[in-house]
Amino acid sequence: MISNYDINDCINDVTFITTILLVSHFILAYINRNDIIDNDQTIFGFSLIIGYALHALIFQKISTALNNNLNLTNEALVNIIYDIVKVISIYTTSELAISIINNKSPNFDKKWYMEIGFTLLGFIIFDLFKSNIPVISKTYNSMYMDIIKISLGHICYRYLAYNDVTSSSNMLILLSILAGLIVYHLGTKRLLSNDSGDLSYFPLTEELKKIKKKLQNLFN
């Protein structure tokens, strides 16, 4: 069943990815002189949001079950299982969403598998060495960790798939993503969070609760 915890996770994750998508899109559109409204980018962003939402509401239960069944107590291993389930579920559901919107078959090609595999490799490296990273500030530590983790995932993917890390176009993409991440942590999250850190003031909260109630009635 979908719990209040799942709904709070969904709100946080949707806010997180939406902020990153909007900020990075506007930065790249401005620098590259592209149109602000781009159909393909809109579909991609919408599908990614769906992927994050479904993971928070449904698929993260898989990683919880795996960790419980395997009796894992090591934090790094627990986080690795979580990241594997999260990345695979988000990429899969977002690709399926794109195929449904475009009325085409899902494109699970070599590029798709490489992006998942190499991004996961970066996340796993982060998880294994996270405990060795010094805490610079309790206030900014979650942002600091997210910057390192996303950077490692992006760099691993770009280097191993394309042997490209330092090109101007690649660095611009990474910096625009990190800018969105910083806006989320310093802006969106703080503006919408309550004292406990939950984004309970987010406009979709009540709508998600209604959806939860309907789902509970459906399965009861």
Protein backbone atom coordinates (compact mmCIF):
# COMPACT_ATOMS: atom_id res chain seq x y z
CA MET A 1 0.00 0.00 0.00
CA ILE A 2 1.01 3.62 -0.53
CA SER A 3 1.88 5.21 2.81
CA ASN A 4 2.26 8.83 3.91
CA TYR A 5 6.00 8.20 3.85
CA ASP A 6 5.76 7.21 0.16
CA ILE A 7 3.74 10.35 -0.60
CA ASN A 8 6.30 12.57 1.16
CA ASP A 9 9.09 10.85 -0.77
CA CYS A 10 7.19 11.38 -4.01
CA ILE A 11 6.70 15.08 -3.29
CA ASN A 12 10.38 15.53 -2.46
CA ASP A 13 11.59 13.60 -5.50
CA VAL A 14 9.21 15.29 -7.94
CA THR A 15 10.19 18.72 -6.60
CA PHE A 16 13.86 17.76 -6.82
CA ILE A 17 13.81 16.60 -10.45
CA THR A 18 11.39 19.32 -11.61
CA THR A 19 13.63 22.07 -10.21
CA ILE A 20 16.72 20.56 -11.86
CA LEU A 21 14.94 20.12 -15.21
CA LEU A 22 13.57 23.67 -15.27
CA VAL A 23 16.77 25.41 -14.20
CA SER A 24 19.06 23.37 -16.46
CA HIS A 25 16.69 23.75 -19.42
CA PHE A 26 16.50 27.54 -19.10
CA ILE A 27 20.28 27.85 -18.69
CA LEU A 28 21.02 25.68 -21.74
CA ALA A 29 18.30 27.34 -23.83
CA TYR A 30 19.66 30.79 -22.99
CA ILE A 31 23.32 29.96 -23.64
CA ASN A 32 22.65 27.96 -26.82
CA ARG A 33 20.00 30.43 -28.02
CA ASN A 34 17.46 27.65 -28.34
CA ASP A 35 13.69 27.93 -28.00
CA ILE A 36 12.47 27.86 -24.40
CA ILE A 37 9.61 25.57 -25.39
CA ASP A 38 10.94 22.41 -27.02
CA ASN A 39 8.56 19.50 -27.61
CA ASP A 40 11.14 16.73 -27.24
CA GLN A 41 12.62 18.24 -24.09
CA THR A 42 9.14 18.72 -22.61
CA ILE A 43 8.26 15.07 -23.24
CA PHE A 44 11.61 13.94 -21.83
CA GLY A 45 11.18 16.06 -18.71
CA PHE A 46 7.60 14.93 -18.16
CA SER A 47 8.57 11.27 -18.55
CA LEU A 48 11.44 11.68 -16.09
CA ILE A 49 9.09 13.22 -13.53
CA ILE A 50 6.76 10.23 -13.98
CA GLY A 51 9.74 7.91 -13.41
CA TYR A 52 10.70 9.64 -10.17
CA ALA A 53 7.11 9.67 -8.92
CA LEU A 54 6.50 5.98 -9.64
CA HIS A 55 9.76 5.01 -8.00
CA ALA A 56 8.88 6.89 -4.82
CA LEU A 57 5.33 5.56 -4.67
CA ILE A 58 5.90 1.97 -5.81
CA PHE A 59 9.34 0.73 -6.85
CA GLN A 60 11.40 1.82 -3.84
CA LYS A 61 9.55 -0.90 -1.92
CA ILE A 62 11.59 -3.39 -3.97
CA SER A 63 14.89 -2.08 -2.60
CA THR A 64 13.46 -2.07 0.93
CA ALA A 65 12.33 -5.69 0.53
CA LEU A 66 15.70 -6.75 -0.91
CA ASN A 67 17.63 -5.11 1.91
CA ASN A 68 15.35 -6.69 4.52
CA ASN A 69 15.50 -10.16 2.94
CA LEU A 70 19.28 -10.01 2.60
CA ASN A 71 19.61 -8.67 6.15
CA LEU A 72 21.97 -5.96 4.97
CA THR A 73 23.30 -3.69 7.70
CA ASN A 74 26.22 -2.11 5.84
CA GLU A 75 25.12 1.41 4.84
CA ALA A 76 27.08 1.35 1.58
CA LEU A 77 25.45 -1.90 0.43
CA VAL A 78 21.99 -0.69 1.43
CA ASN A 79 22.51 2.50 -0.59
CA ILE A 80 23.86 0.55 -3.57
CA ILE A 81 20.75 -1.66 -3.69
CA TYR A 82 18.58 1.45 -3.39
CA ASP A 83 20.41 3.22 -6.22
CA ILE A 84 20.29 0.19 -8.53
CA VAL A 85 16.52 -0.16 -8.11
CA LYS A 86 15.99 3.60 -8.37
CA VAL A 87 18.02 4.17 -11.53
CA ILE A 88 16.65 1.11 -13.36
CA SER A 89 13.02 1.89 -12.42
CA ILE A 90 13.29 5.58 -13.35
CA TYR A 91 15.00 4.96 -16.69
CA THR A 92 12.62 2.13 -17.58
CA THR A 93 9.38 3.90 -16.68
CA SER A 94 10.49 7.17 -18.31
CA GLU A 95 11.38 5.35 -21.54
CA LEU A 96 8.01 3.60 -21.50
CA ALA A 97 6.28 6.95 -20.88
CA ILE A 98 8.11 8.50 -23.86
CA SER A 99 7.11 5.58 -26.09
CA ILE A 100 3.45 5.88 -25.03
CA ILE A 101 3.38 9.67 -25.59
CA ASN A 102 5.06 9.35 -29.01
CA ASN A 103 3.08 6.21 -29.89
CA LYS A 104 6.29 4.31 -30.65
CA SER A 105 8.01 1.19 -29.37
CA PRO A 106 10.35 1.65 -26.39
CA ASN A 107 13.92 2.27 -27.49
CA PHE A 108 15.99 0.11 -25.15
CA ASP A 109 19.13 0.41 -27.27
CA LYS A 110 22.85 0.26 -26.48
CA LYS A 111 22.93 3.95 -25.51
CA TRP A 112 20.12 3.38 -23.01
CA TYR A 113 21.94 0.47 -21.35
CA MET A 114 25.24 2.36 -21.29
CA GLU A 115 23.67 5.40 -19.65
CA ILE A 116 22.11 3.25 -16.93
CA GLY A 117 25.20 1.11 -16.37
CA PHE A 118 27.82 3.85 -16.34
CA THR A 119 25.70 6.28 -14.32
CA LEU A 120 25.12 3.52 -11.78
CA LEU A 121 28.85 2.86 -11.65
CA GLY A 122 29.43 6.47 -10.61
CA PHE A 123 26.72 6.23 -7.95
CA ILE A 124 28.15 2.95 -6.62
CA ILE A 125 31.62 4.50 -6.34
CA PHE A 126 30.06 7.33 -4.37
CA ASP A 127 28.17 4.93 -2.08
CA LEU A 128 31.32 2.93 -1.35
CA PHE A 129 33.38 5.98 -0.38
CA LYS A 130 30.64 8.21 1.06
CA SER A 131 31.70 7.47 4.63
CA ASN A 132 35.17 8.85 3.84
CA ILE A 133 33.85 12.21 2.63
CA PRO A 134 34.16 14.84 5.39
CA VAL A 135 31.06 16.65 6.59
CA ILE A 136 31.60 20.32 5.78
CA SER A 137 28.36 21.63 7.24
CA LYS A 138 25.20 20.07 8.68
CA THR A 139 23.15 22.68 6.83
CA TYR A 140 24.70 22.13 3.41
CA ASN A 141 25.91 18.53 3.66
CA SER A 142 23.00 16.98 1.71
CA MET A 143 23.58 19.44 -1.14
CA TYR A 144 27.32 18.78 -1.01
CA MET A 145 26.76 15.01 -1.20
CA ASP A 146 24.26 15.36 -4.07
CA ILE A 147 26.73 17.47 -6.05
CA ILE A 148 29.45 14.82 -5.67
CA LYS A 149 27.12 11.92 -6.45
CA ILE A 150 25.48 13.45 -9.54
CA SER A 151 28.87 14.63 -10.83
CA LEU A 152 30.37 11.15 -10.45
CA GLY A 153 27.43 9.54 -12.25
CA HIS A 154 27.57 12.04 -15.10
CA ILE A 155 31.35 11.90 -15.48
CA CYS A 156 31.43 8.07 -15.47
CA TYR A 157 28.75 7.94 -18.14
CA ARG A 158 30.28 10.56 -20.41
CA TYR A 159 33.84 9.24 -20.07
CA LEU A 160 33.14 5.53 -20.43
CA ALA A 161 30.51 5.91 -23.15
CA TYR A 162 32.03 8.76 -25.19
CA ASN A 163 35.52 9.36 -23.74
CA ASP A 164 34.32 12.92 -23.13
CA VAL A 165 34.58 14.73 -19.83
CA THR A 166 36.10 18.15 -20.41
CA SER A 167 34.43 19.29 -23.64
CA SER A 168 32.63 22.62 -23.31
CA SER A 169 29.25 21.14 -24.23
CA ASN A 170 29.55 18.34 -21.66
CA MET A 171 30.73 20.65 -18.89
CA LEU A 172 27.89 23.04 -19.67
CA ILE A 173 25.34 20.23 -19.30
CA LEU A 174 26.85 19.12 -15.98
CA LEU A 175 27.07 22.67 -14.61
CA SER A 176 23.46 23.42 -15.59
CA ILE A 177 22.32 20.25 -13.79
CA LEU A 178 24.32 21.20 -10.70
CA ALA A 179 22.86 24.72 -10.84
CA GLY A 180 19.38 23.18 -10.73
CA LEU A 181 20.43 20.99 -7.81
CA ILE A 182 21.73 24.01 -5.88
CA VAL A 183 18.52 25.97 -6.57
CA TYR A 184 16.54 23.03 -5.19
CA HIS A 185 18.54 22.80 -1.96
CA LEU A 186 18.90 26.53 -1.32
CA GLY A 187 15.61 27.70 -2.79
CA THR A 188 12.75 25.33 -3.56
CA LYS A 189 13.29 22.93 -0.68
CA ARG A 190 13.62 25.69 1.93
CA LEU A 191 10.65 27.69 0.64
CA LEU A 192 8.28 24.73 0.64
CA SER A 193 9.52 22.71 3.62
CA ASN A 194 7.94 22.61 7.05
CA ASP A 195 9.91 22.30 10.29
CA SER A 196 10.43 18.56 9.82
CA GLY A 197 11.87 19.04 6.33
CA ASP A 198 8.87 17.60 4.47
CA LEU A 199 7.56 19.50 1.46
CA SER A 200 4.07 19.53 2.95
CA TYR A 201 3.28 22.95 1.53
CA PHE A 202 3.77 21.70 -2.01
CA PRO A 203 0.53 22.23 -4.03
CA LEU A 204 0.35 18.56 -5.06
CA THR A 205 0.24 17.27 -1.51
CA GLU A 206 -3.53 17.23 -1.20
CA GLU A 207 -3.93 15.82 -4.72
CA LEU A 208 -1.53 13.00 -3.91
CA LYS A 209 -3.44 12.23 -0.73
CA LYS A 210 -6.64 11.99 -2.79
CA ILE A 211 -4.92 9.62 -5.22
CA LYS A 212 -3.68 7.55 -2.28
CA LYS A 213 -7.20 7.28 -0.88
CA LYS A 214 -8.56 6.17 -4.26
CA LEU A 215 -5.82 3.54 -4.58
CA GLN A 216 -6.50 2.25 -1.09
CA ASN A 217 -10.22 2.00 -1.86
CA LEU A 218 -9.38 0.20 -5.10
CA PHE A 219 -7.28 -2.49 -3.43
CA ASN A 220 -9.37 -2.89 -0.28
